[in-house]
Amino acid sequence: MVIKVYLATSSGSTAIKKKQQDVVGFLEALKIEYMQLDIASNEENRQWMRENVPGEKKPTNGIPLPPQIFNGEDYCGDYDTFFDAKEENQVFEFLGLPAPPGSKPTTRKVFA
C-alpha cells in the first residue's frame, strides 16, 4: 500500500502549511513512498478525505483539516497523532508499515 497524504496546496494558514511540510519532509527523509493528494484544487480528494476520517477523529465542527494520513484506504491519523508517533519513534507502526531491515525494534515506555 502507498501512504496518502491529503493536504491543501493553497492553504492560507501558516500552521497548516508547516504541519504539511513536516509530514512530507519526514516521509522523504525516511524514503517512505507516498503520494500527495490536494484537497484545495480537487473536490473528489476533499470529499474522499472528509468521508473517510473516522467520526471520533473529526473535530467538533465535523470538518477535518489537512494533513490527514492514510495507508491505502486505512486511516492512520492527523498531524497530532503523526507527531506523537514521530516523538515515540513509532512512525512505521503509525503508518502500518514494516520497519526497515536493521532498524531497532521499538519498545513503548511504561510510566507508573
PDB file of N, CA and C in Angstrom:
ATOM      1  N   MET A   1       0.839  -1.184   0.000  1.00  0.00           N
ATOM      2  CA  MET A   1       0.000   0.000   0.000  1.00  0.00           C
ATOM      3  C   MET A   1       0.882   1.244   0.000  1.00  0.00           C
ATOM      4  N   VAL A   2       0.368   2.260  -0.593  1.00  0.00           N
ATOM      5  CA  VAL A   2       1.101   3.524  -0.609  1.00  0.00           C
ATOM      6  C   VAL A   2       0.482   4.477   0.407  1.00  0.00           C
ATOM      7  N   ILE A   3       1.336   5.259   1.033  1.00  0.00           N
ATOM      8  CA  ILE A   3       0.883   6.251   2.006  1.00  0.00           C
ATOM      9  C   ILE A   3       0.307   7.431   1.237  1.00  0.00           C
ATOM     10  N   LYS A   4      -0.871   7.871   1.648  1.00  0.00           N
ATOM     11  CA  LYS A   4      -1.529   9.016   1.022  1.00  0.00           C
ATOM     12  C   LYS A   4      -1.584  10.144   2.039  1.00  0.00           C
ATOM     13  N   VAL A   5      -1.094  11.309   1.634  1.00  0.00           N
ATOM     14  CA  VAL A   5      -1.140  12.481   2.500  1.00  0.00           C
ATOM     15  C   VAL A   5      -2.078  13.489   1.837  1.00  0.00           C
ATOM     16  N   TYR A   6      -3.198  13.733   2.489  1.00  0.00           N
ATOM     17  CA  TYR A   6      -4.159  14.714   1.993  1.00  0.00           C
ATOM     18  C   TYR A   6      -3.752  16.074   2.537  1.00  0.00           C
ATOM     19  N   LEU A   7      -3.518  17.016   1.618  1.00  0.00           N
ATOM     20  CA  LEU A   7      -3.091  18.340   2.014  1.00  0.00           C
ATOM     21  C   LEU A   7      -3.732  19.401   1.139  1.00  0.00           C
ATOM     22  N   ALA A   8      -3.540  20.648   1.539  1.00  0.00           N
ATOM     23  CA  ALA A   8      -4.090  21.778   0.788  1.00  0.00           C
ATOM     24  C   ALA A   8      -2.928  22.624   0.288  1.00  0.00           C
ATOM     25  N   THR A   9      -2.708  22.597  -1.020  1.00  0.00           N
ATOM     26  CA  THR A   9      -1.569  23.325  -1.582  1.00  0.00           C
ATOM     27  C   THR A   9      -1.754  24.830  -1.510  1.00  0.00           C
ATOM     28  N   SER A  10      -2.983  25.291  -1.410  1.00  0.00           N
ATOM     29  CA  SER A  10      -3.208  26.739  -1.368  1.00  0.00           C
ATOM     30  C   SER A  10      -3.823  27.177  -0.043  1.00  0.00           C
ATOM     31  N   SER A  11      -3.401  26.564   1.032  1.00  0.00           N
ATOM     32  CA  SER A  11      -3.918  26.929   2.349  1.00  0.00           C
ATOM     33  C   SER A  11      -3.410  28.309   2.749  1.00  0.00           C
ATOM     34  N   GLY A  12      -4.280  29.107   3.330  1.00  0.00           N
ATOM     35  CA  GLY A  12      -3.887  30.414   3.829  1.00  0.00           C
ATOM     36  C   GLY A  12      -3.334  30.349   5.239  1.00  0.00           C
ATOM     37  N   SER A  13      -3.405  29.186   5.851  1.00  0.00           N
ATOM     38  CA  SER A  13      -2.959  29.012   7.229  1.00  0.00           C
ATOM     39  C   SER A  13      -1.485  28.619   7.278  1.00  0.00           C
ATOM     40  N   THR A  14      -0.690  29.439   7.948  1.00  0.00           N
ATOM     41  CA  THR A  14       0.726  29.134   8.114  1.00  0.00           C
ATOM     42  C   THR A  14       0.912  27.861   8.934  1.00  0.00           C
ATOM     43  N   ALA A  15       0.063  27.660   9.945  1.00  0.00           N
ATOM     44  CA  ALA A  15       0.165  26.467  10.794  1.00  0.00           C
ATOM     45  C   ALA A  15      -0.076  25.195   9.986  1.00  0.00           C
ATOM     46  N   ILE A  16      -1.091  25.217   9.117  1.00  0.00           N
ATOM     47  CA  ILE A  16      -1.378  24.040   8.288  1.00  0.00           C
ATOM     48  C   ILE A  16      -0.222  23.790   7.321  1.00  0.00           C
ATOM     49  N   LYS A  17       0.298  24.835   6.697  1.00  0.00           N
ATOM     50  CA  LYS A  17       1.432  24.676   5.769  1.00  0.00           C
ATOM     51  C   LYS A  17       2.624  24.049   6.480  1.00  0.00           C
ATOM     52  N   LYS A  18       2.918  24.514   7.690  1.00  0.00           N
ATOM     53  CA  LYS A  18       4.051  23.989   8.453  1.00  0.00           C
ATOM     54  C   LYS A  18       3.844  22.511   8.779  1.00  0.00           C
ATOM     55  N   LYS A  19       2.640  22.149   9.199  1.00  0.00           N
ATOM     56  CA  LYS A  19       2.347  20.751   9.521  1.00  0.00           C
ATOM     57  C   LYS A  19       2.488  19.867   8.285  1.00  0.00           C
ATOM     58  N   GLN A  20       1.983  20.342   7.157  1.00  0.00           N
ATOM     59  CA  GLN A  20       2.083  19.570   5.907  1.00  0.00           C
ATOM     60  C   GLN A  20       3.543  19.380   5.520  1.00  0.00           C
ATOM     61  N   GLN A  21       4.348  20.435   5.612  1.00  0.00           N
ATOM     62  CA  GLN A  21       5.771  20.342   5.275  1.00  0.00           C
ATOM     63  C   GLN A  21       6.493  19.387   6.210  1.00  0.00           C
ATOM     64  N   ASP A  22       6.111  19.383   7.475  1.00  0.00           N
ATOM     65  CA  ASP A  22       6.732  18.496   8.452  1.00  0.00           C
ATOM     66  C   ASP A  22       6.474  17.036   8.088  1.00  0.00           C
ATOM     67  N   VAL A  23       5.228  16.705   7.767  1.00  0.00           N
ATOM     68  CA  VAL A  23       4.878  15.328   7.411  1.00  0.00           C
ATOM     69  C   VAL A  23       5.613  14.905   6.136  1.00  0.00           C
ATOM     70  N   VAL A  24       5.512  15.706   5.090  1.00  0.00           N
ATOM     71  CA  VAL A  24       6.117  15.364   3.800  1.00  0.00           C
ATOM     72  C   VAL A  24       7.644  15.276   3.933  1.00  0.00           C
ATOM     73  N   GLY A  25       8.250  16.231   4.621  1.00  0.00           N
ATOM     74  CA  GLY A  25       9.701  16.215   4.798  1.00  0.00           C
ATOM     75  C   GLY A  25      10.178  14.988   5.551  1.00  0.00           C
ATOM     76  N   PHE A  26       9.427  14.583   6.572  1.00  0.00           N
ATOM     77  CA  PHE A  26       9.798  13.408   7.350  1.00  0.00           C
ATOM     78  C   PHE A  26       9.691  12.144   6.508  1.00  0.00           C
ATOM     79  N   LEU A  27       8.611  12.018   5.733  1.00  0.00           N
ATOM     80  CA  LEU A  27       8.445  10.844   4.868  1.00  0.00           C
ATOM     81  C   LEU A  27       9.568  10.776   3.838  1.00  0.00           C
ATOM     82  N   GLU A  28       9.933  11.920   3.275  1.00  0.00           N
ATOM     83  CA  GLU A  28      11.027  11.956   2.298  1.00  0.00           C
ATOM     84  C   GLU A  28      12.350  11.577   2.943  1.00  0.00           C
ATOM     85  N   ALA A  29      12.600  12.078   4.151  1.00  0.00           N
ATOM     86  CA  ALA A  29      13.849  11.768   4.848  1.00  0.00           C
ATOM     87  C   ALA A  29      13.985  10.275   5.127  1.00  0.00           C
ATOM     88  N   LEU A  30      12.856   9.619   5.414  1.00  0.00           N
ATOM     89  CA  LEU A  30      12.885   8.174   5.672  1.00  0.00           C
ATOM     90  C   LEU A  30      12.732   7.340   4.400  1.00  0.00           C
ATOM     91  N   LYS A  31      12.627   8.041   3.261  1.00  0.00           N
ATOM     92  CA  LYS A  31      12.457   7.381   1.961  1.00  0.00           C
ATOM     93  C   LYS A  31      11.218   6.480   1.931  1.00  0.00           C
ATOM     94  N   ILE A  32      10.139   6.975   2.541  1.00  0.00           N
ATOM     95  CA  ILE A  32       8.866   6.262   2.539  1.00  0.00           C
ATOM     96  C   ILE A  32       8.078   6.734   1.323  1.00  0.00           C
ATOM     97  N   GLU A  33       7.637   5.781   0.516  1.00  0.00           N
ATOM     98  CA  GLU A  33       6.864   6.121  -0.678  1.00  0.00           C
ATOM     99  C   GLU A  33       5.504   6.680  -0.261  1.00  0.00           C
ATOM    100  N   TYR A  34       5.150   7.807  -0.848  1.00  0.00           N
ATOM    101  CA  TYR A  34       3.871   8.435  -0.520  1.00  0.00           C
ATOM    102  C   TYR A  34       3.379   9.217  -1.733  1.00  0.00           C
ATOM    103  N   MET A  35       2.120   9.581  -1.675  1.00  0.00           N
ATOM    104  CA  MET A  35       1.574  10.466  -2.695  1.00  0.00           C
ATOM    105  C   MET A  35       0.801  11.582  -2.017  1.00  0.00           C
ATOM    106  N   GLN A  36       0.909  12.768  -2.598  1.00  0.00           N
ATOM    107  CA  GLN A  36       0.191  13.921  -2.079  1.00  0.00           C
ATOM    108  C   GLN A  36      -1.109  14.070  -2.846  1.00  0.00           C
ATOM    109  N   LEU A  37      -2.189  14.256  -2.111  1.00  0.00           N
ATOM    110  CA  LEU A  37      -3.497  14.464  -2.728  1.00  0.00           C
ATOM    111  C   LEU A  37      -4.022  15.816  -2.263  1.00  0.00           C
ATOM    112  N   ASP A  38      -4.181  16.719  -3.207  1.00  0.00           N
ATOM    113  CA  ASP A  38      -4.575  18.086  -2.895  1.00  0.00           C
ATOM    114  C   ASP A  38      -6.086  18.186  -2.722  1.00  0.00           C
ATOM    115  N   ILE A  39      -6.500  18.732  -1.575  1.00  0.00           N
ATOM    116  CA  ILE A  39      -7.939  18.908  -1.344  1.00  0.00           C
ATOM    117  C   ILE A  39      -8.392  20.319  -1.716  1.00  0.00           C
ATOM    118  N   ALA A  40      -7.436  21.217  -1.983  1.00  0.00           N
ATOM    119  CA  ALA A  40      -7.796  22.595  -2.324  1.00  0.00           C
ATOM    120  C   ALA A  40      -8.249  22.714  -3.783  1.00  0.00           C
ATOM    121  N   SER A  41      -7.620  21.937  -4.653  1.00  0.00           N
ATOM    122  CA  SER A  41      -7.951  22.060  -6.079  1.00  0.00           C
ATOM    123  C   SER A  41      -8.711  20.861  -6.628  1.00  0.00           C
ATOM    124  N   ASN A  42      -8.969  19.855  -5.792  1.00  0.00           N
ATOM    125  CA  ASN A  42      -9.634  18.654  -6.275  1.00  0.00           C
ATOM    126  C   ASN A  42     -10.774  18.283  -5.322  1.00  0.00           C
ATOM    127  N   GLU A  43     -11.985  18.514  -5.758  1.00  0.00           N
ATOM    128  CA  GLU A  43     -13.166  18.263  -4.920  1.00  0.00           C
ATOM    129  C   GLU A  43     -13.314  16.790  -4.556  1.00  0.00           C
ATOM    130  N   GLU A  44     -12.960  15.879  -5.479  1.00  0.00           N
ATOM    131  CA  GLU A  44     -13.054  14.443  -5.186  1.00  0.00           C
ATOM    132  C   GLU A  44     -12.137  14.064  -4.024  1.00  0.00           C
ATOM    133  N   ASN A  45     -10.911  14.605  -4.034  1.00  0.00           N
ATOM    134  CA  ASN A  45      -9.978  14.340  -2.930  1.00  0.00           C
ATOM    135  C   ASN A  45     -10.533  14.871  -1.613  1.00  0.00           C
ATOM    136  N   ARG A  46     -11.097  16.084  -1.659  1.00  0.00           N
ATOM    137  CA  ARG A  46     -11.648  16.691  -0.442  1.00  0.00           C
ATOM    138  C   ARG A  46     -12.787  15.841   0.103  1.00  0.00           C
ATOM    139  N   GLN A  47     -13.699  15.426  -0.759  1.00  0.00           N
ATOM    140  CA  GLN A  47     -14.842  14.604  -0.324  1.00  0.00           C
ATOM    141  C   GLN A  47     -14.382  13.272   0.234  1.00  0.00           C
ATOM    142  N   TRP A  48     -13.450  12.608  -0.458  1.00  0.00           N
ATOM    143  CA  TRP A  48     -12.978  11.301  -0.008  1.00  0.00           C
ATOM    144  C   TRP A  48     -12.344  11.415   1.368  1.00  0.00           C
ATOM    145  N   MET A  49     -11.484  12.420   1.548  1.00  0.00           N
ATOM    146  CA  MET A  49     -10.821  12.603   2.837  1.00  0.00           C
ATOM    147  C   MET A  49     -11.851  12.826   3.938  1.00  0.00           C
ATOM    148  N   ARG A  50     -12.798  13.721   3.705  1.00  0.00           N
ATOM    149  CA  ARG A  50     -13.798  14.039   4.733  1.00  0.00           C
ATOM    150  C   ARG A  50     -14.659  12.844   5.089  1.00  0.00           C
ATOM    151  N   GLU A  51     -14.979  12.028   4.089  1.00  0.00           N
ATOM    152  CA  GLU A  51     -15.832  10.862   4.331  1.00  0.00           C
ATOM    153  C   GLU A  51     -15.096   9.719   5.015  1.00  0.00           C
ATOM    154  N   ASN A  52     -13.762   9.668   4.883  1.00  0.00           N
ATOM    155  CA  ASN A  52     -13.009   8.522   5.378  1.00  0.00           C
ATOM    156  C   ASN A  52     -12.232   8.771   6.665  1.00  0.00           C
ATOM    157  N   VAL A  53     -12.256   9.980   7.174  1.00  0.00           N
ATOM    158  CA  VAL A  53     -11.715  10.216   8.510  1.00  0.00           C
ATOM    159  C   VAL A  53     -12.777   9.713   9.483  1.00  0.00           C
ATOM    160  N   PRO A  54     -12.411   8.790  10.379  1.00  0.00           N
ATOM    161  CA  PRO A  54     -13.402   8.236  11.309  1.00  0.00           C
ATOM    162  C   PRO A  54     -14.077   9.324  12.141  1.00  0.00           C
ATOM    163  N   GLY A  55     -15.336   9.128  12.439  1.00  0.00           N
ATOM    164  CA  GLY A  55     -16.134  10.102  13.169  1.00  0.00           C
ATOM    165  C   GLY A  55     -15.511  10.567  14.469  1.00  0.00           C
ATOM    166  N   GLU A  56     -14.919   9.630  15.216  1.00  0.00           N
ATOM    167  CA  GLU A  56     -14.330  10.007  16.503  1.00  0.00           C
ATOM    168  C   GLU A  56     -13.055  10.834  16.341  1.00  0.00           C
ATOM    169  N   LYS A  57     -12.500  10.869  15.138  1.00  0.00           N
ATOM    170  CA  LYS A  57     -11.284  11.639  14.871  1.00  0.00           C
ATOM    171  C   LYS A  57     -11.576  13.007  14.262  1.00  0.00           C
ATOM    172  N   LYS A  58     -12.834  13.265  13.953  1.00  0.00           N
ATOM    173  CA  LYS A  58     -13.198  14.545  13.352  1.00  0.00           C
ATOM    174  C   LYS A  58     -13.317  15.607  14.439  1.00  0.00           C
ATOM    175  N   PRO A  59     -12.954  16.853  14.112  1.00  0.00           N
ATOM    176  CA  PRO A  59     -13.127  17.929  15.086  1.00  0.00           C
ATOM    177  C   PRO A  59     -14.608  18.206  15.336  1.00  0.00           C
ATOM    178  N   THR A  60     -14.896  19.025  16.324  1.00  0.00           N
ATOM    179  CA  THR A  60     -16.283  19.284  16.703  1.00  0.00           C
ATOM    180  C   THR A  60     -17.103  19.882  15.567  1.00  0.00           C
ATOM    181  N   ASN A  61     -16.452  20.627  14.657  1.00  0.00           N
ATOM    182  CA  ASN A  61     -17.204  21.188  13.526  1.00  0.00           C
ATOM    183  C   ASN A  61     -17.443  20.151  12.426  1.00  0.00           C
ATOM    184  N   GLY A  62     -16.839  18.956  12.575  1.00  0.00           N
ATOM    185  CA  GLY A  62     -17.069  17.875  11.624  1.00  0.00           C
ATOM    186  C   GLY A  62     -16.208  17.898  10.375  1.00  0.00           C
ATOM    187  N   ILE A  63     -15.378  18.937  10.224  1.00  0.00           N
ATOM    188  CA  ILE A  63     -14.561  19.053   9.013  1.00  0.00           C
ATOM    189  C   ILE A  63     -13.088  18.884   9.379  1.00  0.00           C
ATOM    190  N   PRO A  64     -12.496  17.730   9.023  1.00  0.00           N
ATOM    191  CA  PRO A  64     -11.079  17.515   9.339  1.00  0.00           C
ATOM    192  C   PRO A  64     -10.189  18.394   8.459  1.00  0.00           C
ATOM    193  N   LEU A  65      -9.147  18.926   9.065  1.00  0.00           N
ATOM    194  CA  LEU A  65      -8.197  19.772   8.344  1.00  0.00           C
ATOM    195  C   LEU A  65      -6.981  18.968   7.918  1.00  0.00           C
ATOM    196  N   PRO A  66      -6.332  19.383   6.845  1.00  0.00           N
ATOM    197  CA  PRO A  66      -5.102  18.708   6.433  1.00  0.00           C
ATOM    198  C   PRO A  66      -3.960  19.054   7.382  1.00  0.00           C
ATOM    199  N   PRO A  67      -2.941  18.239   7.419  1.00  0.00           N
ATOM    200  CA  PRO A  67      -2.792  16.990   6.686  1.00  0.00           C
ATOM    201  C   PRO A  67      -3.503  15.828   7.381  1.00  0.00           C
ATOM    202  N   GLN A  68      -4.051  14.936   6.569  1.00  0.00           N
ATOM    203  CA  GLN A  68      -4.642  13.676   7.035  1.00  0.00           C
ATOM    204  C   GLN A  68      -3.881  12.565   6.322  1.00  0.00           C
ATOM    205  N   ILE A  69      -3.552  11.508   7.039  1.00  0.00           N
ATOM    206  CA  ILE A  69      -2.665  10.471   6.508  1.00  0.00           C
ATOM    207  C   ILE A  69      -3.386   9.129   6.475  1.00  0.00           C
ATOM    208  N   PHE A  70      -3.269   8.462   5.325  1.00  0.00           N
ATOM    209  CA  PHE A  70      -3.874   7.147   5.108  1.00  0.00           C
ATOM    210  C   PHE A  70      -2.820   6.198   4.568  1.00  0.00           C
ATOM    211  N   ASN A  71      -2.988   4.917   4.861  1.00  0.00           N
ATOM    212  CA  ASN A  71      -2.213   3.866   4.211  1.00  0.00           C
ATOM    213  C   ASN A  71      -3.217   3.156   3.315  1.00  0.00           C
ATOM    214  N   GLY A  72      -3.184   3.485   2.028  1.00  0.00           N
ATOM    215  CA  GLY A  72      -4.208   2.993   1.119  1.00  0.00           C
ATOM    216  C   GLY A  72      -5.544   3.568   1.543  1.00  0.00           C
ATOM    217  N   GLU A  73      -6.474   2.680   1.903  1.00  0.00           N
ATOM    218  CA  GLU A  73      -7.803   3.111   2.356  1.00  0.00           C
ATOM    219  C   GLU A  73      -7.880   3.217   3.878  1.00  0.00           C
ATOM    220  N   ASP A  74      -6.827   2.787   4.573  1.00  0.00           N
ATOM    221  CA  ASP A  74      -6.842   2.748   6.039  1.00  0.00           C
ATOM    222  C   ASP A  74      -6.361   4.067   6.635  1.00  0.00           C
ATOM    223  N   TYR A  75      -7.161   4.599   7.534  1.00  0.00           N
ATOM    224  CA  TYR A  75      -6.827   5.861   8.182  1.00  0.00           C
ATOM    225  C   TYR A  75      -5.707   5.657   9.194  1.00  0.00           C
ATOM    226  N   CYS A  76      -4.655   6.463   9.085  1.00  0.00           N
ATOM    227  CA  CYS A  76      -3.557   6.423  10.054  1.00  0.00           C
ATOM    228  C   CYS A  76      -3.749   7.491  11.125  1.00  0.00           C
ATOM    229  N   GLY A  77      -4.016   8.729  10.681  1.00  0.00           N
ATOM    230  CA  GLY A  77      -4.217   9.793  11.648  1.00  0.00           C
ATOM    231  C   GLY A  77      -3.984  11.166  11.057  1.00  0.00           C
ATOM    232  N   ASP A  78      -4.080  12.149  11.943  1.00  0.00           N
ATOM    233  CA  ASP A  78      -3.858  13.535  11.550  1.00  0.00           C
ATOM    234  C   ASP A  78      -2.445  13.946  11.969  1.00  0.00           C
ATOM    235  N   TYR A  79      -2.169  15.234  11.892  1.00  0.00           N
ATOM    236  CA  TYR A  79      -0.822  15.694  12.231  1.00  0.00           C
ATOM    237  C   TYR A  79      -0.460  15.403  13.685  1.00  0.00           C
ATOM    238  N   ASP A  80      -1.391  15.616  14.596  1.00  0.00           N
ATOM    239  CA  ASP A  80      -1.077  15.428  16.015  1.00  0.00           C
ATOM    240  C   ASP A  80      -0.697  13.982  16.321  1.00  0.00           C
ATOM    241  N   THR A  81      -1.426  13.028  15.762  1.00  0.00           N
ATOM    242  CA  THR A  81      -1.080  11.618  16.019  1.00  0.00           C
ATOM    243  C   THR A  81       0.213  11.243  15.300  1.00  0.00           C
ATOM    244  N   PHE A  82       0.461  11.834  14.121  1.00  0.00           N
ATOM    245  CA  PHE A  82       1.729  11.630  13.421  1.00  0.00           C
ATOM    246  C   PHE A  82       2.881  12.147  14.272  1.00  0.00           C
ATOM    247  N   PHE A  83       2.714  13.357  14.803  1.00  0.00           N
ATOM    248  CA  PHE A  83       3.758  13.965  15.625  1.00  0.00           C
ATOM    249  C   PHE A  83       4.061  13.104  16.851  1.00  0.00           C
ATOM    250  N   ASP A  84       3.015  12.610  17.510  1.00  0.00           N
ATOM    251  CA  ASP A  84       3.207  11.742  18.676  1.00  0.00           C
ATOM    252  C   ASP A  84       3.986  10.480  18.295  1.00  0.00           C
ATOM    253  N   ALA A  85       3.628   9.877  17.169  1.00  0.00           N
ATOM    254  CA  ALA A  85       4.326   8.664  16.712  1.00  0.00           C
ATOM    255  C   ALA A  85       5.784   8.977  16.402  1.00  0.00           C
ATOM    256  N   LYS A  86       6.027  10.127  15.809  1.00  0.00           N
ATOM    257  CA  LYS A  86       7.400  10.537  15.482  1.00  0.00           C
ATOM    258  C   LYS A  86       8.207  10.710  16.765  1.00  0.00           C
ATOM    259  N   GLU A  87       7.635  11.351  17.754  1.00  0.00           N
ATOM    260  CA  GLU A  87       8.322  11.580  19.030  1.00  0.00           C
ATOM    261  C   GLU A  87       8.631  10.268  19.753  1.00  0.00           C
ATOM    262  N   GLU A  88       7.790   9.261  19.556  1.00  0.00           N
ATOM    263  CA  GLU A  88       7.966   7.968  20.228  1.00  0.00           C
ATOM    264  C   GLU A  88       8.698   6.949  19.346  1.00  0.00           C
ATOM    265  N   ASN A  89       9.251   7.411  18.207  1.00  0.00           N
ATOM    266  CA  ASN A  89       9.942   6.531  17.252  1.00  0.00           C
ATOM    267  C   ASN A  89       9.064   5.374  16.809  1.00  0.00           C
ATOM    268  N   GLN A  90       7.792   5.672  16.525  1.00  0.00           N
ATOM    269  CA  GLN A  90       6.853   4.631  16.110  1.00  0.00           C
ATOM    270  C   GLN A  90       6.141   5.003  14.803  1.00  0.00           C
ATOM    271  N   VAL A  91       6.851   5.716  13.940  1.00  0.00           N
ATOM    272  CA  VAL A  91       6.235   6.173  12.694  1.00  0.00           C
ATOM    273  C   VAL A  91       5.833   5.000  11.810  1.00  0.00           C
ATOM    274  N   PHE A  92       6.666   3.964  11.726  1.00  0.00           N
ATOM    275  CA  PHE A  92       6.326   2.829  10.864  1.00  0.00           C
ATOM    276  C   PHE A  92       5.073   2.119  11.374  1.00  0.00           C
ATOM    277  N   GLU A  93       4.956   1.967  12.692  1.00  0.00           N
ATOM    278  CA  GLU A  93       3.743   1.371  13.257  1.00  0.00           C
ATOM    279  C   GLU A  93       2.532   2.254  12.962  1.00  0.00           C
ATOM    280  N   PHE A  94       2.685   3.577  13.157  1.00  0.00           N
ATOM    281  CA  PHE A  94       1.617   4.533  12.888  1.00  0.00           C
ATOM    282  C   PHE A  94       1.133   4.419  11.440  1.00  0.00           C
ATOM    283  N   LEU A  95       2.080   4.280  10.518  1.00  0.00           N
ATOM    284  CA  LEU A  95       1.743   4.198   9.090  1.00  0.00           C
ATOM    285  C   LEU A  95       1.307   2.803   8.659  1.00  0.00           C
ATOM    286  N   GLY A  96       1.414   1.826   9.549  1.00  0.00           N
ATOM    287  CA  GLY A  96       1.045   0.454   9.200  1.00  0.00           C
ATOM    288  C   GLY A  96       2.045  -0.180   8.249  1.00  0.00           C
ATOM    289  N   LEU A  97       3.319   0.213   8.387  1.00  0.00           N
ATOM    290  CA  LEU A  97       4.384  -0.303   7.527  1.00  0.00           C
ATOM    291  C   LEU A  97       5.359  -1.128   8.352  1.00  0.00           C
ATOM    292  N   PRO A  98       5.992  -2.125   7.720  1.00  0.00           N
ATOM    293  CA  PRO A  98       7.033  -2.854   8.442  1.00  0.00           C
ATOM    294  C   PRO A  98       8.254  -1.951   8.623  1.00  0.00           C
ATOM    295  N   ALA A  99       8.924  -2.099   9.749  1.00  0.00           N
ATOM    296  CA  ALA A  99      10.144  -1.326   9.980  1.00  0.00           C
ATOM    297  C   ALA A  99      11.210  -1.787   8.988  1.00  0.00           C
ATOM    298  N   PRO A 100      12.072  -0.887   8.553  1.00  0.00           N
ATOM    299  CA  PRO A 100      13.105  -1.281   7.595  1.00  0.00           C
ATOM    300  C   PRO A 100      14.085  -2.278   8.208  1.00  0.00           C
ATOM    301  N   PRO A 101      14.693  -3.133   7.374  1.00  0.00           N
ATOM    302  CA  PRO A 101      15.654  -4.118   7.886  1.00  0.00           C
ATOM    303  C   PRO A 101      16.791  -3.421   8.631  1.00  0.00           C
ATOM    304  N   GLY A 102      17.183  -3.998   9.734  1.00  0.00           N
ATOM    305  CA  GLY A 102      18.289  -3.458  10.510  1.00  0.00           C
ATOM    306  C   GLY A 102      17.894  -2.380  11.502  1.00  0.00           C
ATOM    307  N   SER A 103      16.616  -1.997  11.514  1.00  0.00           N
ATOM    308  CA  SER A 103      16.208  -0.974  12.477  1.00  0.00           C
ATOM    309  C   SER A 103      15.972  -1.623  13.829  1.00  0.00           C
ATOM    310  N   LYS A 104      16.129  -0.802  14.845  1.00  0.00           N
ATOM    311  CA  LYS A 104      15.929  -1.309  16.202  1.00  0.00           C
ATOM    312  C   LYS A 104      14.439  -1.455  16.463  1.00  0.00           C
ATOM    313  N   PRO A 105      14.026  -2.541  17.117  1.00  0.00           N
ATOM    314  CA  PRO A 105      12.608  -2.664  17.466  1.00  0.00           C
ATOM    315  C   PRO A 105      12.231  -1.580  18.466  1.00  0.00           C
ATOM    316  N   THR A 106      11.022  -1.077  18.331  1.00  0.00           N
ATOM    317  CA  THR A 106      10.580  -0.035  19.261  1.00  0.00           C
ATOM    318  C   THR A 106       9.986  -0.687  20.493  1.00  0.00           C
ATOM    319  N   THR A 107      10.261  -0.076  21.597  1.00  0.00           N
ATOM    320  CA  THR A 107       9.658  -0.527  22.844  1.00  0.00           C
ATOM    321  C   THR A 107       8.954   0.670  23.449  1.00  0.00           C
ATOM    322  N   ARG A 108       7.756   0.452  23.862  1.00  0.00           N
ATOM    323  CA  ARG A 108       6.996   1.533  24.472  1.00  0.00           C
ATOM    324  C   ARG A 108       7.436   1.739  25.902  1.00  0.00           C
ATOM    325  N   LYS A 109       7.539   2.991  26.260  1.00  0.00           N
ATOM    326  CA  LYS A 109       7.877   3.315  27.644  1.00  0.00           C
ATOM    327  C   LYS A 109       6.597   3.233  28.470  1.00  0.00           C
ATOM    328  N   VAL A 110       6.723   2.593  29.610  1.00  0.00           N
ATOM    329  CA  VAL A 110       5.571   2.488  30.506  1.00  0.00           C
ATOM    330  C   VAL A 110       5.897   3.330  31.728  1.00  0.00           C
ATOM    331  N   PHE A 111       5.022   4.275  32.001  1.00  0.00           N
ATOM    332  CA  PHE A 111       5.207   5.142  33.141  1.00  0.00           C
ATOM    333  C   PHE A 111       4.235   4.738  34.239  1.00  0.00           C
ATOM    334  N   ALA A 112       4.761   4.508  35.404  1.00  0.00           N
ATOM    335  CA  ALA A 112       3.912   4.096  36.522  1.00  0.00           C
ATOM    336  C   ALA A 112       3.530   5.288  37.364  1.00  0.00           C
TER     337      ALA A 112
END
